[in-house]
Protein backbone atom coordinates (compact mmCIF):
# COMPACT_ATOMS: atom_id res chain seq x y z
CA MET A 1 174.45 202.25 134.84
CA THR A 2 176.26 199.56 132.49
CA GLU A 3 179.50 198.21 131.37
CA GLU A 4 180.13 197.99 127.69
CA SER A 5 182.86 196.14 125.39
CA THR A 6 183.36 195.70 121.71
CA CYS A 7 181.24 193.72 119.96
CA ASP A 8 181.16 190.10 120.07
CA THR A 9 182.99 188.34 117.30
CA PHE A 10 182.93 184.78 115.22
CA PRO A 11 185.66 182.95 113.59
CA ALA A 12 185.69 182.74 109.72
CA GLY A 13 182.81 180.43 108.22
CA TYR A 14 180.75 180.92 111.19
CA GLY A 15 178.92 183.44 109.45
CA ASP A 16 178.82 186.75 111.10
CA TYR A 17 176.52 189.55 109.73
CA ALA A 18 179.38 191.26 107.41
CA ARG A 19 178.50 190.50 103.72
CA SER A 20 180.90 188.34 101.55
CA ASP A 21 181.45 187.98 97.83
CA GLY A 22 179.67 190.27 95.25
CA VAL A 23 177.22 193.50 95.71
CA LEU A 24 174.31 193.94 94.05
CA ARG A 25 173.89 197.07 91.86
CA GLU A 26 171.25 199.38 93.13
CA ASN A 27 169.18 199.62 89.73
CA ILE A 28 165.56 199.75 90.83
CA GLY A 29 163.98 203.55 91.22
CA LEU A 30 160.34 204.62 92.33
CA GLY A 31 159.09 203.52 88.85
CA GLY A 32 160.62 199.93 89.21
CA VAL A 33 159.36 199.52 92.88
CA PHE A 34 155.98 200.62 91.87
CA SER A 35 156.21 198.25 88.86
CA ILE A 36 157.32 195.21 90.89
CA ALA A 37 154.80 195.34 93.38
CA THR A 38 151.96 195.93 91.17
CA GLY A 39 153.13 193.55 88.94
CA ALA A 40 153.53 190.80 91.83
CA MET A 41 150.15 191.65 92.91
CA ILE A 42 147.45 191.67 90.23
CA SER A 43 147.35 187.83 88.70
CA SER A 44 144.95 184.84 89.39
CA GLY A 45 143.69 186.73 92.81
CA LEU A 46 141.43 188.94 90.38
CA LEU A 47 141.51 187.11 86.88
CA VAL A 48 139.97 184.14 88.62
CA LEU A 49 138.97 184.31 92.07
CA PRO A 50 136.13 186.76 91.87
CA GLY A 51 134.18 184.10 90.58
CA LEU A 52 134.87 181.38 93.26
CA ALA A 53 134.33 184.24 95.97
CA PHE A 54 130.90 185.37 94.74
CA ALA A 55 129.51 181.76 94.86
CA ARG A 56 130.21 181.65 98.36
CA ILE A 57 129.24 184.85 99.37
CA GLY A 58 127.56 187.14 97.03
CA PRO A 59 128.25 190.43 96.06
CA ALA A 60 129.48 190.74 99.51
CA MET A 61 132.93 189.88 98.12
CA VAL A 62 133.44 193.55 96.90
CA LEU A 63 133.86 194.52 100.81
CA ALA A 64 135.82 191.14 101.27
CA TYR A 65 138.37 192.42 98.86
CA LEU A 66 138.66 195.72 100.68
CA LEU A 67 138.81 193.78 103.82
CA ALA A 68 141.86 191.29 102.41
CA GLY A 69 143.54 195.05 101.39
CA LEU A 70 143.41 196.35 104.66
CA LEU A 71 144.59 193.55 106.45
CA ASN A 72 147.81 193.36 104.38
CA LEU A 73 148.66 196.97 105.68
CA PRO A 74 150.26 195.58 109.08
CA ALA A 75 152.10 193.58 107.05
CA MET A 76 153.18 196.31 104.97
CA PHE A 77 153.85 198.61 107.53
CA SER A 78 156.14 196.15 109.12
CA GLN A 79 158.02 195.43 106.15
CA ILE A 80 158.68 198.88 104.92
CA GLU A 81 159.94 199.79 108.48
CA LEU A 82 162.34 196.54 108.84
CA SER A 83 163.88 196.86 105.56
CA THR A 84 164.49 200.44 105.72
CA ALA A 85 166.35 199.89 108.73
CA VAL A 86 168.06 196.76 106.76
CA PRO A 87 167.55 197.76 103.11
CA GLU A 88 169.26 194.61 101.63
CA SER A 89 168.21 191.87 98.99
CA GLY A 90 166.22 189.02 100.84
CA GLY A 91 164.50 191.47 103.24
CA SER A 92 161.81 189.13 103.93
CA TYR A 93 164.36 186.55 105.53
CA CYS A 94 167.28 189.06 106.79
CA THR A 95 165.00 191.12 108.72
CA ILE A 96 163.32 188.43 110.49
CA GLU A 97 166.76 186.61 111.15
CA ARG A 98 167.91 189.83 112.56
CA SER A 99 165.29 190.12 114.63
CA LEU A 100 164.24 186.62 115.83
CA GLY A 101 167.20 184.23 115.49
CA THR A 102 168.93 181.68 112.96
CA PHE A 103 165.89 179.24 113.26
CA PRO A 104 163.12 181.60 112.62
CA GLY A 105 165.41 182.78 109.98
CA THR A 106 165.60 180.09 108.04
CA LEU A 107 162.38 179.39 108.16
CA ALA A 108 161.40 182.84 106.86
CA GLY A 109 164.10 182.93 103.85
CA LEU A 110 162.71 179.20 102.76
CA THR A 111 158.94 180.22 103.36
CA SER A 112 159.10 183.09 101.56
CA TRP A 113 161.58 181.83 98.61
CA LEU A 114 158.62 179.21 98.45
CA CYS A 115 155.25 180.87 98.54
CA ILE A 116 157.25 183.51 95.87
CA SER A 117 157.92 180.70 93.32
CA LEU A 118 154.71 179.17 93.47
CA LYS A 119 153.05 182.57 92.52
CA ALA A 120 155.38 182.76 89.80
CA ALA A 121 154.87 179.86 88.59
CA PHE A 122 151.05 179.57 89.05
CA ALA A 123 151.42 182.87 86.84
CA CYS A 124 153.32 180.76 84.06
CA ILE A 125 150.54 178.29 84.61
CA GLY A 126 148.25 181.28 83.51
CA ILE A 127 150.15 182.03 80.58
CA GLY A 128 149.90 178.62 79.46
CA GLY A 129 146.14 178.53 79.63
CA LEU A 130 145.96 181.31 77.29
CA ALA A 131 147.26 179.05 74.98
CA LEU A 132 144.18 177.01 75.10
CA LEU A 133 141.81 180.01 73.27
CA ILE A 134 144.26 179.42 70.62
CA PHE A 135 144.47 175.63 70.61
CA PRO A 136 141.12 174.49 72.29
CA GLY A 137 141.57 170.97 71.93
CA ALA A 138 145.46 170.39 72.22
CA GLY A 139 144.82 169.04 76.05
CA ASP A 140 147.05 169.83 79.12
CA TRP A 141 150.19 168.97 77.76
CA ILE A 142 150.27 172.69 75.62
CA MET A 143 149.43 174.55 78.40
CA LYS A 144 152.38 172.80 80.51
CA VAL A 145 154.92 173.51 77.31
CA VAL A 146 153.85 176.95 77.15
CA ALA A 147 154.07 177.51 80.95
CA MET A 148 157.53 176.11 80.79
CA GLY A 149 158.70 178.50 78.15
CA ALA A 150 157.25 181.72 79.85
CA CYS A 151 159.32 180.28 83.10
CA LEU A 152 162.15 180.32 80.98
CA VAL A 153 162.14 183.60 79.13
CA SER A 154 161.20 185.48 82.85
CA THR A 155 164.09 183.67 83.62
CA ALA A 156 166.27 184.85 80.91
CA LEU A 157 165.29 188.17 81.54
CA ASN A 158 166.25 188.16 84.98
CA LEU A 159 169.58 186.29 84.66
CA THR A 160 170.34 189.68 82.05
CA THR A 161 169.58 192.49 84.09
CA VAL A 162 167.61 193.79 87.01
CA LYS A 163 167.15 197.58 85.54
CA GLY A 164 165.68 195.79 82.12
CA ILE A 165 163.64 194.14 84.38
CA GLY A 166 162.17 196.95 85.85
CA HIS A 167 161.57 198.86 83.08
CA LEU A 168 159.55 196.05 81.91
CA GLN A 169 157.56 195.32 84.66
CA GLY A 170 156.85 199.54 84.36
CA ILE A 171 155.61 199.02 80.77
CA LEU A 172 153.62 195.62 81.25
CA ALA A 173 152.02 196.84 84.56
CA PHE A 174 150.79 200.58 82.97
CA ALA A 175 149.48 198.20 80.10
CA LEU A 176 147.75 196.12 82.43
CA LEU A 177 146.12 198.93 84.82
CA GLY A 178 145.31 200.91 81.11
CA MET A 179 143.10 197.73 80.22
CA LEU A 180 141.66 196.92 83.35
CA ALA A 181 140.76 200.98 83.23
CA LEU A 182 139.38 200.27 80.32
CA TYR A 183 137.39 197.66 81.68
CA ILE A 184 135.78 199.50 84.79
CA PHE A 185 134.82 202.90 82.66
CA SER A 186 133.06 200.81 80.16
CA GLY A 187 131.42 198.28 82.43
CA ALA A 188 130.34 201.36 84.92
CA ARG A 189 127.36 202.36 82.32
CA SER A 190 126.24 198.93 82.02
CA ILE A 191 125.54 198.11 86.13
CA SER A 192 122.52 196.99 87.27
CA ALA A 193 121.71 197.91 91.08
CA ALA A 194 119.33 194.85 91.11
CA ARG A 195 122.22 192.77 90.74
CA TYR A 196 123.75 193.98 94.54
CA SER A 197 120.49 192.86 96.00
CA PRO A 198 120.89 190.86 98.29
CA PHE A 199 124.37 192.15 99.49
CA PHE A 200 124.90 189.60 101.98
CA THR A 201 124.05 186.28 101.16
CA SER A 202 126.07 184.21 103.93
CA ASP A 203 127.05 184.43 107.37
CA TRP A 204 129.76 186.04 109.26
CA ARG A 205 132.68 183.01 109.33
CA SER A 206 132.39 182.85 105.41
CA PHE A 207 132.69 186.29 104.82
CA LEU A 208 136.21 186.06 106.55
CA ALA A 209 137.23 182.61 104.72
CA VAL A 210 136.47 184.59 101.46
CA ALA A 211 138.32 187.55 102.87
CA GLY A 212 141.15 185.11 103.59
CA MET A 213 141.19 183.57 100.60
CA VAL A 214 141.47 186.27 98.75
CA PHE A 215 144.18 187.84 100.84
CA VAL A 216 146.86 185.88 98.61
CA SER A 217 145.97 188.71 95.59
CA TYR A 218 147.57 191.20 97.77
CA GLY A 219 150.44 188.84 98.66
CA GLY A 220 153.17 190.23 96.15
CA LEU A 221 153.58 193.34 97.74
CA THR A 222 155.29 192.93 100.15
CA LYS A 223 157.55 190.85 98.29
CA VAL A 224 159.27 193.89 96.49
CA VAL A 225 161.54 194.06 100.40
CA ASP A 226 163.65 191.32 98.59
CA ALA A 227 164.80 193.38 96.14
CA ALA A 228 165.64 196.12 98.79
CA GLY A 229 169.59 195.85 98.21
CA GLU A 230 168.98 196.92 94.47
CA VAL A 231 166.68 199.88 95.49
CA ARG A 232 167.95 203.74 94.76
CA ASN A 233 167.56 205.59 97.71
CA PRO A 234 165.43 202.88 99.67
CA ARG A 235 164.29 205.48 102.70
CA ARG A 236 161.85 207.34 99.85
CA ASN A 237 161.82 205.21 96.93
CA LEU A 238 160.86 201.79 98.67
CA VAL A 239 158.42 203.65 101.20
CA LEU A 240 156.58 205.29 98.25
CA GLY A 241 156.48 202.84 96.04
CA MET A 242 154.89 200.20 97.93
CA PHE A 243 152.41 203.10 99.39
CA LEU A 244 151.56 203.94 95.52
CA SER A 245 151.24 200.51 94.63
CA PHE A 246 149.11 199.36 97.47
CA ALA A 247 146.66 202.76 96.87
CA VAL A 248 146.29 202.20 93.51
CA VAL A 249 145.89 197.83 93.35
CA ASN A 250 143.53 198.44 96.36
CA VAL A 251 141.20 200.55 93.91
CA PHE A 252 141.52 198.75 90.69
CA TYR A 253 140.76 195.79 92.95
CA VAL A 254 137.45 196.97 94.29
CA ALA A 255 136.36 198.73 91.11
CA THR A 256 136.98 195.74 88.99
CA VAL A 257 135.13 193.24 91.47
CA PHE A 258 132.57 196.02 91.79
CA VAL A 259 132.13 196.39 88.32
CA THR A 260 132.18 192.44 87.45
CA THR A 261 129.41 191.97 89.95
CA GLY A 262 127.10 194.85 88.41
CA VAL A 263 126.90 193.56 84.81
CA LEU A 264 126.84 189.71 84.94
CA ASP A 265 123.97 187.77 86.36
CA PRO A 266 124.42 185.82 89.36
CA GLY A 267 124.34 182.41 87.55
CA SER A 268 127.12 183.10 84.87
CA LEU A 269 129.59 185.06 87.86
CA ALA A 270 129.19 182.30 90.62
CA GLY A 271 131.91 179.89 90.35
CA SER A 272 133.21 181.26 87.10
CA LEU A 273 136.94 180.89 86.73
CA ALA A 274 137.18 183.93 84.01
CA PRO A 275 134.72 186.04 85.77
CA LEU A 276 136.28 189.14 83.74
CA SER A 277 136.38 187.68 80.86
CA ILE A 278 133.03 187.06 80.54
CA GLY A 279 132.33 190.25 81.98
CA ALA A 280 134.26 192.01 79.45
CA GLU A 281 132.08 189.90 76.91
CA ALA A 282 128.82 191.34 78.19
CA VAL A 283 130.27 194.78 78.33
CA MET A 284 132.38 195.11 74.96
CA GLY A 285 131.76 191.89 73.07
CA LEU A 286 134.06 189.91 71.04
CA ALA A 287 136.66 192.97 71.97
CA GLY A 288 136.50 192.73 75.14
CA ILE A 289 137.24 189.29 75.35
CA MET A 290 140.50 190.15 73.07
CA ALA A 291 141.07 192.94 75.69
CA MET A 292 140.90 190.64 78.90
CA SER A 293 142.77 187.88 77.30
CA ILE A 294 145.76 190.68 76.61
CA ALA A 295 145.44 192.00 80.34
CA ALA A 296 145.52 188.42 81.37
CA PHE A 297 148.85 187.92 79.40
CA LEU A 298 150.15 190.94 80.92
CA ALA A 299 149.22 190.27 84.46
CA TYR A 300 150.64 186.44 84.57
CA ALA A 301 153.74 188.17 82.87
CA THR A 302 154.50 190.59 85.39
CA THR A 303 153.64 188.16 88.26
CA ALA A 304 156.31 185.72 86.79
CA ASN A 305 159.25 188.12 86.05
CA ALA A 306 158.61 189.78 89.48
CA GLY A 307 158.34 186.60 91.11
CA ILE A 308 161.19 185.25 89.71
CA LEU A 309 163.52 188.51 90.81
CA SER A 310 162.05 188.53 94.44
CA ALA A 311 162.04 184.75 95.10
CA SER A 312 165.56 184.18 93.86
CA ARG A 313 166.79 186.92 96.48
CA SER A 314 166.28 184.66 99.31
CA PRO A 315 168.70 181.79 98.34
CA LEU A 316 171.45 184.64 97.77
CA VAL A 317 171.21 186.12 101.13
CA MET A 318 170.82 182.83 102.76
CA SER A 319 174.44 181.81 101.01
CA GLN A 320 176.16 185.05 101.79
CA ASP A 321 174.91 184.53 105.46
CA GLY A 322 176.08 180.90 105.54
CA LEU A 323 172.66 178.94 105.66
CA PHE A 324 172.86 177.85 102.24
CA PRO A 325 176.05 176.65 100.27
CA ALA A 326 178.36 179.58 99.22
CA GLY A 327 177.63 178.84 95.31
CA LEU A 328 174.17 179.99 95.46
CA SER A 329 176.02 184.23 96.40
CA ARG A 330 177.56 183.81 93.59
CA ILE A 331 176.60 187.53 91.18
CA SER A 332 177.48 188.09 87.66
CA GLU A 333 180.05 190.75 87.18
CA ARG A 334 178.55 191.54 83.65
CA SER A 335 174.80 191.86 84.43
CA GLY A 336 175.14 192.29 88.30
CA THR A 337 172.50 189.19 89.03
CA PRO A 338 172.67 186.39 91.42
CA VAL A 339 173.05 183.55 88.38
CA ALA A 340 172.59 180.54 90.45
CA SER A 341 170.29 181.19 92.65
CA ILE A 342 167.80 182.89 90.19
CA ALA A 343 168.95 178.99 88.10
CA LEU A 344 167.76 177.19 91.32
CA THR A 345 164.26 178.84 91.53
CA ALA A 346 163.56 178.40 88.09
CA LEU A 347 164.53 175.17 88.62
CA PHE A 348 161.73 174.52 91.41
CA ILE A 349 159.09 176.72 89.19
CA LEU A 350 159.75 174.31 86.39
CA PHE A 351 159.17 171.04 88.54
CA THR A 352 155.90 172.64 89.95
CA ILE A 353 154.50 173.36 86.51
CA GLY A 354 155.70 169.85 84.85
CA PHE A 355 154.51 167.59 88.20
CA LEU A 356 152.24 169.43 91.13
CA THR A 357 148.73 170.10 91.48
CA VAL A 358 147.69 173.92 91.70
CA GLU A 359 144.73 174.10 94.07
CA ASP A 360 146.19 172.45 97.21
CA LEU A 361 149.67 174.58 96.38
CA ALA A 362 147.76 177.86 96.15
CA LYS A 363 146.34 176.87 99.38
CA THR A 364 149.73 176.03 100.91
CA ALA A 365 151.35 179.23 99.30
CA SER A 366 148.29 181.39 100.82
CA THR A 367 149.03 179.75 104.35
CA MET A 368 152.84 180.87 104.09
CA PHE A 369 152.26 184.41 102.98
CA LEU A 370 150.18 184.27 106.27
CA ILE A 371 153.08 183.08 108.37
CA SER A 372 155.54 185.27 106.77
CA PHE A 373 153.64 188.34 107.50
CA ALA A 374 152.96 187.10 110.90
CA LEU A 375 156.82 186.73 111.11
CA ALA A 376 157.04 190.41 110.21
CA ASN A 377 155.24 191.48 112.58
CA VAL A 378 156.35 190.16 115.64
CA SER A 379 160.20 190.93 114.14
CA VAL A 380 159.04 194.93 114.20
CA ILE A 381 157.56 194.30 117.94
CA VAL A 382 161.11 192.89 118.78
CA MET A 383 163.47 195.34 117.18
CA ARG A 384 161.45 198.31 118.94
CA ARG A 385 161.77 196.23 122.52
CA ALA A 386 165.21 195.82 121.56
CA LYS A 387 165.96 199.31 121.66
CA ILE A 388 169.34 198.79 119.41
CA GLN A 389 170.97 201.81 118.54
CA GLY A 390 171.61 200.69 115.01
CA TYR A 391 167.92 200.42 114.23
CA ARG A 392 167.31 203.46 112.11
CA PRO A 393 164.29 203.13 109.88
CA SER A 394 162.88 206.01 107.68
CA PHE A 395 159.59 204.71 108.46
CA ARG A 396 158.04 203.43 111.78
CA ALA A 397 154.98 201.28 111.58
CA PRO A 398 151.71 203.18 113.53
CA LEU A 399 149.88 201.93 116.22
CA CYS A 400 152.91 199.17 117.35
CA PRO A 401 152.50 197.06 118.94
CA LEU A 402 148.55 197.13 119.34
CA LEU A 403 148.35 196.76 115.33
CA ASN A 404 151.18 194.20 115.26
CA ILE A 405 149.44 191.98 117.50
CA ALA A 406 145.97 192.48 116.31
CA ALA A 407 147.06 191.34 112.94
CA ILE A 408 148.94 188.40 114.34
CA LEU A 409 145.65 186.96 116.11
CA VAL A 410 143.76 187.51 112.84
CA TYR A 411 146.81 185.73 110.63
CA ALA A 412 146.39 182.80 112.78
CA PHE A 413 142.35 183.00 112.45
CA LEU A 414 142.98 182.68 108.69
CA ILE A 415 145.55 180.16 108.92
CA ALA A 416 143.53 177.66 111.15
CA ASP A 417 140.47 177.97 108.66
CA MET A 418 142.50 177.04 105.30
CA GLY A 419 141.69 173.86 105.64
CA ARG A 420 143.28 170.09 106.60
CA ILE A 421 145.93 169.61 103.49
CA PRO A 422 147.15 172.79 102.86
CA LEU A 423 148.08 172.71 106.52
CA LEU A 424 149.65 169.17 106.22
CA ALA A 425 151.91 170.49 103.47
CA THR A 426 152.82 173.47 105.18
CA GLY A 427 153.77 171.48 108.27
CA GLY A 428 155.69 169.25 106.20
CA PHE A 429 157.75 171.68 104.60
CA LEU A 430 158.51 173.03 108.12
CA ALA A 431 159.40 169.99 109.34
CA ALA A 432 161.93 169.84 106.59
CA ALA A 433 163.31 173.37 107.00
CA SER A 434 163.89 172.27 110.27
CA ILE A 435 165.69 169.39 109.56
CA TRP A 436 167.88 171.45 107.07
CA TYR A 437 168.21 173.80 110.26
CA ALA A 438 169.55 170.94 112.43
CA ALA A 439 171.84 169.44 109.67
CA TYR A 440 173.65 172.13 107.96
CA VAL A 441 173.08 175.27 109.56
CA HIS A 442 172.91 175.24 113.25
CA ARG A 443 177.15 174.09 113.26
CA ARG A 444 178.13 176.67 111.25
CA ILE A 445 175.99 179.36 112.46
CA ARG A 446 176.60 181.16 115.66
CA ARG A 447 175.50 184.99 116.40
CA GLU A 448 172.75 186.97 118.58
CA SER A 449 169.36 188.19 117.34
CA ALA A 450 167.49 191.27 118.50
CA ILE A 451 165.19 189.02 120.68
CA VAL A 452 168.61 187.32 122.62
CA TYR A 453 169.37 190.99 123.13
CA MET A 454 166.19 192.23 124.01
CA VAL A 455 165.87 189.54 126.73
CA ARG A 456 169.25 189.86 128.17
CA GLY A 457 168.75 193.80 128.30
CA ILE A 458 165.27 192.21 130.82
CA LEU A 459 167.09 190.43 133.00
CA SER A 460 170.40 191.85 133.06
CA LYS A 461 172.17 194.96 133.13
CA GLN A 462 175.67 193.69 131.80
CA ILE A 463 175.02 194.09 128.15
CA LYS A 464 177.00 192.87 125.39
CA ARG A 465 176.63 194.27 122.06
CA PRO A 466 175.79 192.32 119.67
CA GLY A 467 177.26 192.04 116.25
CA LEU A 468 173.62 192.84 115.18
CA GLU A 469 173.97 196.60 116.46
CA ASP A 470 177.10 197.02 114.14
CA GLU A 471 175.61 195.66 111.39
CA LEU A 472 172.51 197.62 111.14
CA LEU A 473 174.47 200.92 112.05
CA ARG A 474 177.00 199.91 108.95
CA VAL A 475 173.88 199.21 106.41
CA SER A 476 172.25 202.45 107.90
CA LEU A 477 175.47 204.36 106.99
CA GLU A 478 176.25 203.13 104.06
CA ARG A 479 172.73 203.43 102.80
CA GLN A 480 173.02 207.11 103.61
CA GLY A 481 176.48 207.39 101.34
CA ILE A 482 178.11 208.11 105.37
CA LYS A 483 181.86 206.60 105.64
CA ASP A 484 183.81 206.01 108.33
CA ASP A 485 186.95 208.09 109.42
CA ARG A 486 189.58 207.61 111.72
CA PHE A 487 187.55 209.08 114.70
CA ASP A 488 184.65 206.51 114.08
CA GLN A 489 187.12 204.08 113.56
CA LEU A 490 188.79 204.32 117.05
CA ILE A 491 185.16 204.95 119.00
CA ARG A 492 184.10 201.64 117.50
CA ASN A 493 187.29 199.90 118.45
CA GLY A 494 187.98 201.39 121.67
CA LEU A 495 187.49 199.94 125.08
CA ILE A 496 184.67 201.64 126.86
CA LEU A 497 184.07 201.30 130.60
CA ASP A 498 181.15 202.58 132.69
CA ILE A 499 182.18 203.68 136.32
CA GLU A 500 179.44 203.39 138.31
CA ARG A 501 181.30 205.07 141.18
CA ARG A 502 184.27 207.12 142.13
CA ILE A 503 187.71 205.32 141.87
CA ASP A 504 191.53 206.45 142.06
CA ALA A 505 193.75 205.93 139.46
CA ARG A 506 195.15 202.72 140.58
CA GLU A 507 191.71 201.30 140.44
CA LEU A 508 191.23 202.72 137.21
CA PHE A 509 194.72 201.32 135.58
CA ARG A 510 193.86 197.71 137.17
CA ARG A 511 190.72 197.68 135.39
CA LEU A 512 192.37 199.10 132.27
CA ALA A 513 195.07 196.37 132.81
CA ASP A 514 192.95 193.51 133.51
CA GLU A 515 190.72 194.25 130.40
CA LEU A 516 193.84 195.20 128.06
CA GLY A 517 195.31 192.10 128.93
CA THR A 518 193.03 189.85 127.11
CA ARG A 519 193.07 191.97 124.21
CA LEU A 520 197.22 192.13 123.78
CA SER A 521 198.36 189.05 125.39
CA ARG A 522 199.97 190.66 128.16
CA GLU A 523 200.44 189.64 131.70
CA SER A 524 197.75 192.31 133.49
CA ASP A 525 200.28 193.07 136.21
CA ASP A 526 203.11 194.30 133.36
CA LEU A 527 200.43 196.28 132.32
CA TYR A 528 199.46 197.89 135.84
CA ASN A 529 203.18 198.42 136.51
CA LEU A 530 203.68 200.00 132.80
CA PHE A 531 200.62 202.29 133.67
CA LEU A 532 201.91 203.16 137.10
CA ALA A 533 205.37 204.35 135.56
CA ARG A 534 203.88 206.55 132.62
CA GLU A 535 201.68 208.49 135.28
CA MET A 536 204.80 209.10 137.33
CA GLU A 537 206.17 211.08 134.00
CA SER A 538 202.80 212.02 132.58
CA SER A 539 198.95 211.70 132.15
CA THR A 540 198.53 208.57 130.44
CA VAL A 541 196.36 208.01 127.45
CA ALA A 542 195.35 204.40 126.55
CA TRP A 543 195.30 203.05 123.11
CA LEU A 544 193.70 199.90 121.61
CA PHE A 545 196.85 198.84 119.56
CA LEU A 546 199.19 200.39 121.98
CA THR A 547 202.42 198.46 122.29
CA LEU A 548 203.96 198.92 126.06
């Protein structure tokens, strides 16, 4: 038996779990979830990486893409479970912070913001690269100018309306899939079986390294959970939208690289930075190049829009929780969008476009995606083990914890194989995030996480319910449209004692007097005598705000 009291509370300014300031509007439906997740995935991972992957392992890159997709499944399962339990914006940060604590949450939030922002920056640079097709002799400056312009346009769209972004993403995503489908069906008639032989041209270590390299092609899938608080009926739309997006994109990825391998000579494909364009030219001539250029623009545009949308939600929620300055939590009353958070994200993207190189940052972003995915898998294990009553996901990750542990080990192997520069860059970023936590966050935040709750449950039977349990229950009820009534409030605020043995009335009154004396700022002896006097007249009922 255990003894339970009401949840711990903290003084104002210490960032308890209750939300502050504005509330984001629920404007994203099933189509929006599918479009945002799909648009965040199909980008340079499909338009550029196949040529580099083929140069290292040959036709086996088809299986590398399939394996990379499968390796994303544990992270997707974990993110869906966590986000249906806590369907709030900034989901990548929010769920990890609630499960592992403020310090891991700070790292997760900043990591998620950085890697998605970098992915959006690369997409904008891709749009700038397309400008070189029109002005081939202009040099890199035209690419940067166009890339910055693309960033500003995407930022303006995100500042205007989330619902509009969802509709635009739907149009762009389906147009992109249509272009890729045209390429796949046209190229299928020109495939030569001889180009797949020999299928394996390298060892297994190289094969796994390539799978890790193309892993980021699917990285945008789980980032739609950063807008979970704006999804209507997330217990259905978030789950179904992510599963549909994964299935459709995985099929298109594998089919596209399969066709590209089959229609191009190895010498043309290996090392190419525009493998789909030369593949489309081989199949459809000049019309193919034009079609694939349009497809590339659509891919980069959807990734940029979805990236700014998803990345900006992490600073928003971290600000609401007290981990960032309060100004970043401002939400426009007119558009319902987090203006300051979007602006900060856009400024970082513009800085990346203007001053930083691409290759090492891409690998750094890949490393941070893997770190984020590993944290999500750890979070699910902790939330399950903590057995918090308010943890009520509508979807539960299968084969937990075995699948999650296996995924964490694989992610660790892939991270170790990224190379020295990405690891140093990632280490530097994590060090900076740690300094921010020590200097700004540590003194402002005092709250418990699921891992503390889990450890306490293992070490002691005297468990006090943390604020996390109340928050999870509140979110679960709110998203189901259930409001507290007077009975719910009485139960939540009531003093609960578990009695381990039979006791008489006097001992019960003594325990009640001791507990209520602290709450009511009264002497426990006075309360005890009042209980006895009341019992002499009639049966006793104890209320939280009883005036004695």
